[in-house]
């Protein structure tokens, strides 16, 4: 059974990013459908998969991570207005919905990277 998970690591502080708001939407030809909103736990993860089972279907998705708010709460330097990074948006496709798609985010106030994890 397929599922979608994520994990955020704060590379500037060398720790999981706890308390980050995440929004997930399914992107469609004429707009998008909001699916869920969550906050990361102390391990920088969500307490449950973002999607799984029959709700996890092939298609295009978008994750929006509220990174600006997270770093503003961590340090005055990152609280500059406007922040260099505010919302980090990752758009990705799911071709094989029976598989586990893990979308980790490695982030600092000035850059980020992602990949399809396991």
PDB file of N, CA and C in Angstrom:
ATOM      1  N   UNK A   1       0.847  -1.178   0.000  1.00  0.00           N
ATOM      2  CA  UNK A   1       0.000   0.000   0.000  1.00  0.00           C
ATOM      3  C   UNK A   1       0.890   1.237   0.000  1.00  0.00           C
ATOM      4  N   UNK A   2       0.619   2.163  -0.904  1.00  0.00           N
ATOM      5  CA  UNK A   2       1.427   3.360  -1.032  1.00  0.00           C
ATOM      6  C   UNK A   2       1.120   4.407   0.016  1.00  0.00           C
ATOM      7  N   UNK A   3       2.101   5.292   0.201  1.00  0.00           N
ATOM      8  CA  UNK A   3       1.909   6.397   1.125  1.00  0.00           C
ATOM      9  C   UNK A   3       2.873   7.524   0.797  1.00  0.00           C
ATOM     10  N   UNK A   4       2.568   8.704   1.347  1.00  0.00           N
ATOM     11  CA  UNK A   4       3.394   9.890   1.178  1.00  0.00           C
ATOM     12  C   UNK A   4       3.813  10.382   2.554  1.00  0.00           C
ATOM     13  N   UNK A   5       5.129  10.558   2.747  1.00  0.00           N
ATOM     14  CA  UNK A   5       5.658  11.075   4.003  1.00  0.00           C
ATOM     15  C   UNK A   5       6.660  12.183   3.711  1.00  0.00           C
ATOM     16  N   UNK A   6       7.010  12.937   4.756  1.00  0.00           N
ATOM     17  CA  UNK A   6       8.027  13.971   4.641  1.00  0.00           C
ATOM     18  C   UNK A   6       8.787  14.073   5.949  1.00  0.00           C
ATOM     19  N   UNK A   7       9.905  14.774   5.912  1.00  0.00           N
ATOM     20  CA  UNK A   7      10.773  14.950   7.067  1.00  0.00           C
ATOM     21  C   UNK A   7      11.561  16.221   6.800  1.00  0.00           C
ATOM     22  N   UNK A   8      11.678  17.105   7.789  1.00  0.00           N
ATOM     23  CA  UNK A   8      12.409  18.353   7.593  1.00  0.00           C
ATOM     24  C   UNK A   8      13.602  18.385   8.546  1.00  0.00           C
ATOM     25  N   UNK A   9      14.782  18.612   7.975  1.00  0.00           N
ATOM     26  CA  UNK A   9      15.997  18.761   8.762  1.00  0.00           C
ATOM     27  C   UNK A   9      16.513  20.188   8.612  1.00  0.00           C
ATOM     28  N   UNK A  10      16.748  20.845   9.733  1.00  0.00           N
ATOM     29  CA  UNK A  10      17.280  22.201   9.801  1.00  0.00           C
ATOM     30  C   UNK A  10      18.802  22.079   9.755  1.00  0.00           C
ATOM     31  N   UNK A  11      19.400  22.319   8.598  1.00  0.00           N
ATOM     32  CA  UNK A  11      20.844  22.155   8.450  1.00  0.00           C
ATOM     33  C   UNK A  11      21.620  23.308   9.080  1.00  0.00           C
ATOM     34  N   UNK A  12      20.985  24.438   9.313  1.00  0.00           N
ATOM     35  CA  UNK A  12      21.661  25.568   9.961  1.00  0.00           C
ATOM     36  C   UNK A  12      21.907  25.293  11.435  1.00  0.00           C
ATOM     37  N   UNK A  13      21.010  24.576  12.086  1.00  0.00           N
ATOM     38  CA  UNK A  13      21.130  24.288  13.510  1.00  0.00           C
ATOM     39  C   UNK A  13      21.467  22.822  13.788  1.00  0.00           C
ATOM     40  N   UNK A  14      21.536  22.001  12.740  1.00  0.00           N
ATOM     41  CA  UNK A  14      21.883  20.597  12.906  1.00  0.00           C
ATOM     42  C   UNK A  14      20.862  19.806  13.699  1.00  0.00           C
ATOM     43  N   UNK A  15      19.573  20.023  13.373  1.00  0.00           N
ATOM     44  CA  UNK A  15      18.513  19.354  14.125  1.00  0.00           C
ATOM     45  C   UNK A  15      17.252  19.215  13.287  1.00  0.00           C
ATOM     46  N   UNK A  16      16.326  18.347  13.715  1.00  0.00           N
ATOM     47  CA  UNK A  16      15.030  18.281  13.025  1.00  0.00           C
ATOM     48  C   UNK A  16      14.299  19.613  13.177  1.00  0.00           C
ATOM     49  N   UNK A  17      13.487  19.948  12.196  1.00  0.00           N
ATOM     50  CA  UNK A  17      12.714  21.193  12.218  1.00  0.00           C
ATOM     51  C   UNK A  17      11.332  20.921  12.790  1.00  0.00           C
ATOM     52  N   UNK A  18      11.170  21.169  14.077  1.00  0.00           N
ATOM     53  CA  UNK A  18       9.895  20.953  14.768  1.00  0.00           C
ATOM     54  C   UNK A  18       9.010  22.181  14.640  1.00  0.00           C
ATOM     55  N   UNK A  19       7.707  21.958  14.528  1.00  0.00           N
ATOM     56  CA  UNK A  19       6.744  23.056  14.513  1.00  0.00           C
ATOM     57  C   UNK A  19       6.559  23.746  13.180  1.00  0.00           C
ATOM     58  N   UNK A  20       6.961  23.107  12.090  1.00  0.00           N
ATOM     59  CA  UNK A  20       6.795  23.700  10.757  1.00  0.00           C
ATOM     60  C   UNK A  20       5.420  23.329  10.202  1.00  0.00           C
ATOM     61  N   UNK A  21       4.689  24.333   9.760  1.00  0.00           N
ATOM     62  CA  UNK A  21       3.389  24.100   9.123  1.00  0.00           C
ATOM     63  C   UNK A  21       3.612  23.624   7.691  1.00  0.00           C
ATOM     64  N   UNK A  22       2.848  22.612   7.296  1.00  0.00           N
ATOM     65  CA  UNK A  22       2.939  22.040   5.946  1.00  0.00           C
ATOM     66  C   UNK A  22       1.529  21.944   5.376  1.00  0.00           C
ATOM     67  N   UNK A  23       1.388  22.354   4.114  1.00  0.00           N
ATOM     68  CA  UNK A  23       0.127  22.192   3.390  1.00  0.00           C
ATOM     69  C   UNK A  23       0.377  21.272   2.205  1.00  0.00           C
ATOM     70  N   UNK A  24      -0.549  20.349   1.967  1.00  0.00           N
ATOM     71  CA  UNK A  24      -0.473  19.442   0.820  1.00  0.00           C
ATOM     72  C   UNK A  24      -1.693  19.652  -0.054  1.00  0.00           C
ATOM     73  N   UNK A  25      -1.456  19.814  -1.361  1.00  0.00           N
ATOM     74  CA  UNK A  25      -2.551  19.911  -2.327  1.00  0.00           C
ATOM     75  C   UNK A  25      -2.287  18.970  -3.487  1.00  0.00           C
ATOM     76  N   UNK A  26      -3.366  18.552  -4.139  1.00  0.00           N
ATOM     77  CA  UNK A  26      -3.273  17.787  -5.381  1.00  0.00           C
ATOM     78  C   UNK A  26      -3.486  18.785  -6.506  1.00  0.00           C
ATOM     79  N   UNK A  27      -2.542  18.839  -7.419  1.00  0.00           N
ATOM     80  CA  UNK A  27      -2.615  19.772  -8.542  1.00  0.00           C
ATOM     81  C   UNK A  27      -3.399  19.124  -9.678  1.00  0.00           C
ATOM     82  N   UNK A  28      -4.347  19.879 -10.220  1.00  0.00           N
ATOM     83  CA  UNK A  28      -5.202  19.375 -11.283  1.00  0.00           C
ATOM     84  C   UNK A  28      -5.176  20.334 -12.458  1.00  0.00           C
ATOM     85  N   UNK A  29      -5.737  19.912 -13.556  1.00  0.00           N
ATOM     86  CA  UNK A  29      -5.699  20.713 -14.773  1.00  0.00           C
ATOM     87  C   UNK A  29      -6.257  22.117 -14.575  1.00  0.00           C
ATOM     88  N   UNK A  30      -7.296  22.249 -13.806  1.00  0.00           N
ATOM     89  CA  UNK A  30      -7.946  23.550 -13.634  1.00  0.00           C
ATOM     90  C   UNK A  30      -7.910  24.005 -12.180  1.00  0.00           C
ATOM     91  N   UNK A  31      -6.744  23.908 -11.543  1.00  0.00           N
ATOM     92  CA  UNK A  31      -6.631  24.352 -10.165  1.00  0.00           C
ATOM     93  C   UNK A  31      -6.011  23.283  -9.280  1.00  0.00           C
ATOM     94  N   UNK A  32      -6.331  23.356  -8.019  1.00  0.00           N
ATOM     95  CA  UNK A  32      -5.793  22.371  -7.085  1.00  0.00           C
ATOM     96  C   UNK A  32      -6.804  22.089  -5.981  1.00  0.00           C
ATOM     97  N   UNK A  33      -6.617  20.936  -5.339  1.00  0.00           N
ATOM     98  CA  UNK A  33      -7.502  20.510  -4.263  1.00  0.00           C
ATOM     99  C   UNK A  33      -6.696  20.415  -2.975  1.00  0.00           C
ATOM    100  N   UNK A  34      -7.044  21.210  -1.954  1.00  0.00           N
ATOM    101  CA  UNK A  34      -6.351  21.080  -0.665  1.00  0.00           C
ATOM    102  C   UNK A  34      -6.625  19.697  -0.065  1.00  0.00           C
ATOM    103  N   UNK A  35      -5.590  19.054   0.449  1.00  0.00           N
ATOM    104  CA  UNK A  35      -5.739  17.711   1.003  1.00  0.00           C
ATOM    105  C   UNK A  35      -5.542  17.666   2.512  1.00  0.00           C
ATOM    106  N   UNK A  36      -4.493  18.305   3.007  1.00  0.00           N
ATOM    107  CA  UNK A  36      -4.243  18.276   4.449  1.00  0.00           C
ATOM    108  C   UNK A  36      -3.315  19.400   4.857  1.00  0.00           C
ATOM    109  N   UNK A  37      -3.353  19.735   6.128  1.00  0.00           N
ATOM    110  CA  UNK A  37      -2.426  20.669   6.757  1.00  0.00           C
ATOM    111  C   UNK A  37      -1.950  20.027   8.052  1.00  0.00           C
ATOM    112  N   UNK A  38      -0.642  20.044   8.275  1.00  0.00           N
ATOM    113  CA  UNK A  38      -0.070  19.430   9.470  1.00  0.00           C
ATOM    114  C   UNK A  38       1.051  20.306  10.017  1.00  0.00           C
ATOM    115  N   UNK A  39       1.494  19.978  11.216  1.00  0.00           N
ATOM    116  CA  UNK A  39       2.641  20.620  11.859  1.00  0.00           C
ATOM    117  C   UNK A  39       3.634  19.517  12.206  1.00  0.00           C
ATOM    118  N   UNK A  40       4.916  19.739  11.901  1.00  0.00           N
ATOM    119  CA  UNK A  40       5.907  18.709  12.202  1.00  0.00           C
ATOM    120  C   UNK A  40       6.093  18.540  13.708  1.00  0.00           C
ATOM    121  N   UNK A  41       6.395  17.314  14.102  1.00  0.00           N
ATOM    122  CA  UNK A  41       6.628  16.999  15.512  1.00  0.00           C
ATOM    123  C   UNK A  41       8.085  17.278  15.888  1.00  0.00           C
ATOM    124  N   UNK A  42       8.492  16.896  17.083  1.00  0.00           N
ATOM    125  CA  UNK A  42       9.843  17.175  17.581  1.00  0.00           C
ATOM    126  C   UNK A  42      10.930  16.530  16.735  1.00  0.00           C
ATOM    127  N   UNK A  43      10.589  15.494  15.973  1.00  0.00           N
ATOM    128  CA  UNK A  43      11.547  14.815  15.101  1.00  0.00           C
ATOM    129  C   UNK A  43      11.535  15.385  13.686  1.00  0.00           C
ATOM    130  N   UNK A  44      10.788  16.477  13.458  1.00  0.00           N
ATOM    131  CA  UNK A  44      10.709  17.070  12.125  1.00  0.00           C
ATOM    132  C   UNK A  44       9.850  16.275  11.167  1.00  0.00           C
ATOM    133  N   UNK A  45       9.061  15.358  11.698  1.00  0.00           N
ATOM    134  CA  UNK A  45       8.208  14.489  10.888  1.00  0.00           C
ATOM    135  C   UNK A  45       6.741  14.762  11.203  1.00  0.00           C
ATOM    136  N   UNK A  46       5.876  14.173  10.424  1.00  0.00           N
ATOM    137  CA  UNK A  46       4.439  14.222  10.698  1.00  0.00           C
ATOM    138  C   UNK A  46       4.089  12.964  11.481  1.00  0.00           C
ATOM    139  N   UNK A  47       3.093  13.053  12.336  1.00  0.00           N
ATOM    140  CA  UNK A  47       2.727  11.910  13.171  1.00  0.00           C
ATOM    141  C   UNK A  47       2.139  10.747  12.376  1.00  0.00           C
ATOM    142  N   UNK A  48       1.655  11.032  11.182  1.00  0.00           N
ATOM    143  CA  UNK A  48       1.079   9.995  10.311  1.00  0.00           C
ATOM    144  C   UNK A  48       1.433  10.356   8.868  1.00  0.00           C
ATOM    145  N   UNK A  49       1.328   9.404   7.944  1.00  0.00           N
ATOM    146  CA  UNK A  49       1.556   9.741   6.539  1.00  0.00           C
ATOM    147  C   UNK A  49       0.628  10.877   6.094  1.00  0.00           C
ATOM    148  N   UNK A  50       1.120  11.698   5.184  1.00  0.00           N
ATOM    149  CA  UNK A  50       0.298  12.783   4.639  1.00  0.00           C
ATOM    150  C   UNK A  50      -0.853  12.227   3.820  1.00  0.00           C
ATOM    151  N   UNK A  51      -0.595  11.164   3.090  1.00  0.00           N
ATOM    152  CA  UNK A  51      -1.614  10.433   2.330  1.00  0.00           C
ATOM    153  C   UNK A  51      -1.241   8.961   2.343  1.00  0.00           C
ATOM    154  N   UNK A  52      -2.258   8.113   2.299  1.00  0.00           N
ATOM    155  CA  UNK A  52      -1.993   6.678   2.191  1.00  0.00           C
ATOM    156  C   UNK A  52      -3.242   5.965   1.701  1.00  0.00           C
ATOM    157  N   UNK A  53      -3.045   4.718   1.294  1.00  0.00           N
ATOM    158  CA  UNK A  53      -4.162   3.890   0.858  1.00  0.00           C
ATOM    159  C   UNK A  53      -4.889   4.451  -0.344  1.00  0.00           C
ATOM    160  N   UNK A  54      -6.209   4.364  -0.322  1.00  0.00           N
ATOM    161  CA  UNK A  54      -7.039   4.788  -1.455  1.00  0.00           C
ATOM    162  C   UNK A  54      -6.958   6.287  -1.717  1.00  0.00           C
ATOM    163  N   UNK A  55      -6.561   7.089  -0.720  1.00  0.00           N
ATOM    164  CA  UNK A  55      -6.435   8.536  -0.902  1.00  0.00           C
ATOM    165  C   UNK A  55      -5.182   8.917  -1.674  1.00  0.00           C
ATOM    166  N   UNK A  56      -4.215   8.006  -1.726  1.00  0.00           N
ATOM    167  CA  UNK A  56      -2.944   8.266  -2.403  1.00  0.00           C
ATOM    168  C   UNK A  56      -3.022   7.734  -3.824  1.00  0.00           C
ATOM    169  N   UNK A  57      -3.219   8.631  -4.767  1.00  0.00           N
ATOM    170  CA  UNK A  57      -3.391   8.250  -6.169  1.00  0.00           C
ATOM    171  C   UNK A  57      -2.307   8.897  -7.029  1.00  0.00           C
ATOM    172  N   UNK A  58      -2.096   8.347  -8.212  1.00  0.00           N
ATOM    173  CA  UNK A  58      -1.138   8.931  -9.141  1.00  0.00           C
ATOM    174  C   UNK A  58      -1.584  10.337  -9.516  1.00  0.00           C
ATOM    175  N   UNK A  59      -0.605  11.203  -9.711  1.00  0.00           N
ATOM    176  CA  UNK A  59      -0.919  12.573 -10.101  1.00  0.00           C
ATOM    177  C   UNK A  59       0.154  13.536  -9.655  1.00  0.00           C
ATOM    178  N   UNK A  60      -0.167  14.817  -9.731  1.00  0.00           N
ATOM    179  CA  UNK A  60       0.758  15.888  -9.360  1.00  0.00           C
ATOM    180  C   UNK A  60       0.348  16.467  -8.010  1.00  0.00           C
ATOM    181  N   UNK A  61       1.342  16.726  -7.187  1.00  0.00           N
ATOM    182  CA  UNK A  61       1.116  17.216  -5.834  1.00  0.00           C
ATOM    183  C   UNK A  61       2.005  18.420  -5.553  1.00  0.00           C
ATOM    184  N   UNK A  62       1.640  19.147  -4.492  1.00  0.00           N
ATOM    185  CA  UNK A  62       2.432  20.288  -4.050  1.00  0.00           C
ATOM    186  C   UNK A  62       2.484  20.300  -2.526  1.00  0.00           C
ATOM    187  N   UNK A  63       3.686  20.384  -2.002  1.00  0.00           N
ATOM    188  CA  UNK A  63       3.904  20.573  -0.569  1.00  0.00           C
ATOM    189  C   UNK A  63       4.386  21.996  -0.359  1.00  0.00           C
ATOM    190  N   UNK A  64       3.801  22.696   0.597  1.00  0.00           N
ATOM    191  CA  UNK A  64       4.225  24.050   0.948  1.00  0.00           C
ATOM    192  C   UNK A  64       4.665  24.025   2.407  1.00  0.00           C
ATOM    193  N   UNK A  65       5.939  24.334   2.631  1.00  0.00           N
ATOM    194  CA  UNK A  65       6.534  24.337   3.958  1.00  0.00           C
ATOM    195  C   UNK A  65       6.699  25.783   4.423  1.00  0.00           C
ATOM    196  N   UNK A  66       6.165  26.142   5.582  1.00  0.00           N
ATOM    197  CA  UNK A  66       6.243  27.513   6.121  1.00  0.00           C
ATOM    198  C   UNK A  66       7.586  27.711   6.824  1.00  0.00           C
ATOM    199  N   UNK A  67       8.632  27.766   6.044  1.00  0.00           N
ATOM    200  CA  UNK A  67       9.994  27.826   6.567  1.00  0.00           C
ATOM    201  C   UNK A  67      10.331  29.202   7.128  1.00  0.00           C
ATOM    202  N   UNK A  68       9.811  30.266   6.528  1.00  0.00           N
ATOM    203  CA  UNK A  68      10.083  31.610   7.031  1.00  0.00           C
ATOM    204  C   UNK A  68       9.646  31.771   8.478  1.00  0.00           C
ATOM    205  N   UNK A  69       8.465  31.298   8.805  1.00  0.00           N
ATOM    206  CA  UNK A  69       7.961  31.378  10.184  1.00  0.00           C
ATOM    207  C   UNK A  69       8.835  30.565  11.135  1.00  0.00           C
ATOM    208  N   UNK A  70       9.257  29.396  10.683  1.00  0.00           N
ATOM    209  CA  UNK A  70      10.102  28.536  11.515  1.00  0.00           C
ATOM    210  C   UNK A  70      11.417  29.231  11.857  1.00  0.00           C
ATOM    211  N   UNK A  71      12.128  29.762  10.853  1.00  0.00           N
ATOM    212  CA  UNK A  71      13.415  30.397  11.118  1.00  0.00           C
ATOM    213  C   UNK A  71      13.266  31.724  11.846  1.00  0.00           C
ATOM    214  N   UNK A  72      12.196  32.450  11.622  1.00  0.00           N
ATOM    215  CA  UNK A  72      11.960  33.696  12.351  1.00  0.00           C
ATOM    216  C   UNK A  72      11.854  33.425  13.850  1.00  0.00           C
ATOM    217  N   UNK A  73      11.262  32.303  14.210  1.00  0.00           N
ATOM    218  CA  UNK A  73      11.140  31.942  15.619  1.00  0.00           C
ATOM    219  C   UNK A  73      12.471  31.469  16.204  1.00  0.00           C
ATOM    220  N   UNK A  74      13.412  31.043  15.349  1.00  0.00           N
ATOM    221  CA  UNK A  74      14.696  30.510  15.801  1.00  0.00           C
ATOM    222  C   UNK A  74      15.744  31.589  16.051  1.00  0.00           C
ATOM    223  N   UNK A  75      15.767  32.644  15.204  1.00  0.00           N
ATOM    224  CA  UNK A  75      16.834  33.635  15.348  1.00  0.00           C
ATOM    225  C   UNK A  75      16.423  34.982  14.767  1.00  0.00           C
ATOM    226  N   UNK A  76      16.993  36.041  15.333  1.00  0.00           N
ATOM    227  CA  UNK A  76      16.696  37.398  14.860  1.00  0.00           C
ATOM    228  C   UNK A  76      17.219  37.607  13.448  1.00  0.00           C
ATOM    229  N   UNK A  77      18.379  37.027  13.114  1.00  0.00           N
ATOM    230  CA  UNK A  77      18.953  37.193  11.778  1.00  0.00           C
ATOM    231  C   UNK A  77      18.015  36.663  10.705  1.00  0.00           C
ATOM    232  N   UNK A  78      17.415  35.515  10.978  1.00  0.00           N
ATOM    233  CA  UNK A  78      16.505  34.902  10.010  1.00  0.00           C
ATOM    234  C   UNK A  78      15.147  35.593  10.008  1.00  0.00           C
ATOM    235  N   UNK A  79      14.898  36.472  10.992  1.00  0.00           N
ATOM    236  CA  UNK A  79      13.611  37.164  11.085  1.00  0.00           C
ATOM    237  C   UNK A  79      13.559  38.423  10.227  1.00  0.00           C
ATOM    238  N   UNK A  80      14.592  38.678   9.432  1.00  0.00           N
ATOM    239  CA  UNK A  80      14.605  39.863   8.576  1.00  0.00           C
ATOM    240  C   UNK A  80      13.372  39.883   7.686  1.00  0.00           C
ATOM    241  N   UNK A  81      12.864  41.069   7.439  1.00  0.00           N
ATOM    242  CA  UNK A  81      11.681  41.209   6.579  1.00  0.00           C
ATOM    243  C   UNK A  81      12.076  41.832   5.259  1.00  0.00           C
ATOM    244  N   UNK A  82      11.771  41.260   4.165  1.00  0.00           N
ATOM    245  CA  UNK A  82      11.219  39.912   4.072  1.00  0.00           C
ATOM    246  C   UNK A  82      12.334  38.873   4.215  1.00  0.00           C
ATOM    247  N   UNK A  83      11.987  37.674   4.682  1.00  0.00           N
ATOM    248  CA  UNK A  83      13.009  36.632   4.783  1.00  0.00           C
ATOM    249  C   UNK A  83      13.433  36.180   3.385  1.00  0.00           C
ATOM    250  N   UNK A  84      14.658  35.696   3.271  1.00  0.00           N
ATOM    251  CA  UNK A  84      15.127  35.191   1.981  1.00  0.00           C
ATOM    252  C   UNK A  84      14.244  34.036   1.513  1.00  0.00           C
ATOM    253  N   UNK A  85      13.986  33.080   2.395  1.00  0.00           N
ATOM    254  CA  UNK A  85      13.046  31.996   2.104  1.00  0.00           C
ATOM    255  C   UNK A  85      11.840  32.166   3.005  1.00  0.00           C
ATOM    256  N   UNK A  86      10.671  32.140   2.428  1.00  0.00           N
ATOM    257  CA  UNK A  86       9.452  32.209   3.222  1.00  0.00           C
ATOM    258  C   UNK A  86       8.741  30.862   3.116  1.00  0.00           C
ATOM    259  N   UNK A  87       7.954  30.664   2.087  1.00  0.00           N
ATOM    260  CA  UNK A  87       7.355  29.351   1.833  1.00  0.00           C
ATOM    261  C   UNK A  87       8.233  28.600   0.848  1.00  0.00           C
ATOM    262  N   UNK A  88       8.591  27.374   1.190  1.00  0.00           N
ATOM    263  CA  UNK A  88       9.296  26.501   0.259  1.00  0.00           C
ATOM    264  C   UNK A  88       8.239  25.605  -0.373  1.00  0.00           C
ATOM    265  N   UNK A  89       8.146  25.683  -1.704  1.00  0.00           N
ATOM    266  CA  UNK A  89       7.137  24.944  -2.456  1.00  0.00           C
ATOM    267  C   UNK A  89       7.835  23.843  -3.250  1.00  0.00           C
ATOM    268  N   UNK A  90       7.369  22.615  -3.048  1.00  0.00           N
ATOM    269  CA  UNK A  90       7.905  21.484  -3.798  1.00  0.00           C
ATOM    270  C   UNK A  90       6.756  20.847  -4.558  1.00  0.00           C
ATOM    271  N   UNK A  91       6.867  20.869  -5.882  1.00  0.00           N
ATOM    272  CA  UNK A  91       5.875  20.227  -6.749  1.00  0.00           C
ATOM    273  C   UNK A  91       6.493  18.945  -7.283  1.00  0.00           C
ATOM    274  N   UNK A  92       5.741  17.871  -7.196  1.00  0.00           N
ATOM    275  CA  UNK A  92       6.284  16.574  -7.591  1.00  0.00           C
ATOM    276  C   UNK A  92       5.174  15.691  -8.131  1.00  0.00           C
ATOM    277  N   UNK A  93       5.573  14.668  -8.851  1.00  0.00           N
ATOM    278  CA  UNK A  93       4.625  13.737  -9.440  1.00  0.00           C
ATOM    279  C   UNK A  93       4.713  12.364  -8.816  1.00  0.00           C
ATOM    280  N   UNK A  94       3.571  11.710  -8.738  1.00  0.00           N
ATOM    281  CA  UNK A  94       3.479  10.337  -8.245  1.00  0.00           C
ATOM    282  C   UNK A  94       3.004   9.478  -9.408  1.00  0.00           C
ATOM    283  N   UNK A  95       3.853   8.569  -9.850  1.00  0.00           N
ATOM    284  CA  UNK A  95       3.502   7.687 -10.958  1.00  0.00           C
ATOM    285  C   UNK A  95       3.031   6.318 -10.462  1.00  0.00           C
ATOM    286  N   UNK A  96       3.610   5.867  -9.367  1.00  0.00           N
ATOM    287  CA  UNK A  96       3.330   4.537  -8.835  1.00  0.00           C
ATOM    288  C   UNK A  96       2.740   4.674  -7.427  1.00  0.00           C
ATOM    289  N   UNK A  97       1.453   4.884  -7.336  1.00  0.00           N
ATOM    290  CA  UNK A  97       0.808   5.177  -6.054  1.00  0.00           C
ATOM    291  C   UNK A  97       0.840   4.004  -5.073  1.00  0.00           C
ATOM    292  N   UNK A  98       1.255   2.837  -5.503  1.00  0.00           N
ATOM    293  CA  UNK A  98       1.376   1.697  -4.589  1.00  0.00           C
ATOM    294  C   UNK A  98       2.713   1.713  -3.844  1.00  0.00           C
ATOM    295  N   UNK A  99       3.598   2.665  -4.195  1.00  0.00           N
ATOM    296  CA  UNK A  99       4.911   2.752  -3.567  1.00  0.00           C
ATOM    297  C   UNK A  99       4.933   3.816  -2.476  1.00  0.00           C
ATOM    298  N   UNK A 100       5.994   3.802  -1.675  1.00  0.00           N
ATOM    299  CA  UNK A 100       6.207   4.816  -0.646  1.00  0.00           C
ATOM    300  C   UNK A 100       6.970   5.980  -1.279  1.00  0.00           C
ATOM    301  N   UNK A 101       6.382   7.149  -1.241  1.00  0.00           N
ATOM    302  CA  UNK A 101       7.045   8.370  -1.689  1.00  0.00           C
ATOM    303  C   UNK A 101       7.387   9.174  -0.442  1.00  0.00           C
ATOM    304  N   UNK A 102       8.682   9.398  -0.234  1.00  0.00           N
ATOM    305  CA  UNK A 102       9.151  10.187   0.895  1.00  0.00           C
ATOM    306  C   UNK A 102       9.829  11.427   0.322  1.00  0.00           C
ATOM    307  N   UNK A 103       9.384  12.609   0.753  1.00  0.00           N
ATOM    308  CA  UNK A 103       9.905  13.876   0.237  1.00  0.00           C
ATOM    309  C   UNK A 103      10.543  14.643   1.391  1.00  0.00           C
ATOM    310  N   UNK A 104      11.830  14.393   1.667  1.00  0.00           N
ATOM    311  CA  UNK A 104      12.506  15.108   2.739  1.00  0.00           C
ATOM    312  C   UNK A 104      12.913  16.506   2.293  1.00  0.00           C
ATOM    313  N   UNK A 105      13.045  17.402   3.259  1.00  0.00           N
ATOM    314  CA  UNK A 105      13.486  18.772   2.990  1.00  0.00           C
ATOM    315  C   UNK A 105      14.651  19.070   3.918  1.00  0.00           C
ATOM    316  N   UNK A 106      15.785  19.416   3.332  1.00  0.00           N
ATOM    317  CA  UNK A 106      16.955  19.875   4.074  1.00  0.00           C
ATOM    318  C   UNK A 106      16.985  21.381   3.879  1.00  0.00           C
ATOM    319  N   UNK A 107      16.970  22.160   4.975  1.00  0.00           N
ATOM    320  CA  UNK A 107      16.738  23.590   4.826  1.00  0.00           C
ATOM    321  C   UNK A 107      17.574  24.420   5.792  1.00  0.00           C
ATOM    322  N   UNK A 108      17.956  25.600   5.321  1.00  0.00           N
ATOM    323  CA  UNK A 108      18.578  26.638   6.133  1.00  0.00           C
ATOM    324  C   UNK A 108      17.841  27.932   5.778  1.00  0.00           C
ATOM    325  N   UNK A 109      18.139  29.052   6.432  1.00  0.00           N
ATOM    326  CA  UNK A 109      17.450  30.293   6.063  1.00  0.00           C
ATOM    327  C   UNK A 109      17.759  30.756   4.634  1.00  0.00           C
ATOM    328  N   UNK A 110      18.816  30.196   4.021  1.00  0.00           N
ATOM    329  CA  UNK A 110      19.264  30.702   2.724  1.00  0.00           C
ATOM    330  C   UNK A 110      19.305  29.672   1.606  1.00  0.00           C
ATOM    331  N   UNK A 111      18.831  28.470   1.859  1.00  0.00           N
ATOM    332  CA  UNK A 111      18.821  27.465   0.807  1.00  0.00           C
ATOM    333  C   UNK A 111      18.165  26.181   1.268  1.00  0.00           C
ATOM    334  N   UNK A 112      17.834  25.334   0.303  1.00  0.00           N
ATOM    335  CA  UNK A 112      17.209  24.055   0.619  1.00  0.00           C
ATOM    336  C   UNK A 112      17.481  23.047  -0.482  1.00  0.00           C
ATOM    337  N   UNK A 113      17.282  21.778  -0.154  1.00  0.00           N
ATOM    338  CA  UNK A 113      17.348  20.728  -1.157  1.00  0.00           C
ATOM    339  C   UNK A 113      16.336  19.651  -0.770  1.00  0.00           C
ATOM    340  N   UNK A 114      15.978  18.879  -1.759  1.00  0.00           N
ATOM    341  CA  UNK A 114      15.030  17.786  -1.562  1.00  0.00           C
ATOM    342  C   UNK A 114      15.385  16.659  -2.522  1.00  0.00           C
ATOM    343  N   UNK A 115      14.773  15.527  -2.321  1.00  0.00           N
ATOM    344  CA  UNK A 115      14.982  14.365  -3.178  1.00  0.00           C
ATOM    345  C   UNK A 115      13.882  13.366  -2.863  1.00  0.00           C
ATOM    346  N   UNK A 116      13.770  12.346  -3.662  1.00  0.00           N
ATOM    347  CA  UNK A 116      12.831  11.272  -3.329  1.00  0.00           C
ATOM    348  C   UNK A 116      13.553  10.287  -2.445  1.00  0.00           C
ATOM    349  N   UNK A 117      13.159  10.237  -1.207  1.00  0.00           N
ATOM    350  CA  UNK A 117      13.794   9.350  -0.244  1.00  0.00           C
ATOM    351  C   UNK A 117      13.076   8.014  -0.172  1.00  0.00           C
ATOM    352  N   UNK A 118      13.415   7.261   0.844  1.00  0.00           N
ATOM    353  CA  UNK A 118      12.804   5.949   1.016  1.00  0.00           C
ATOM    354  C   UNK A 118      12.226   5.795   2.396  1.00  0.00           C
TER     355      UNK A 118
END
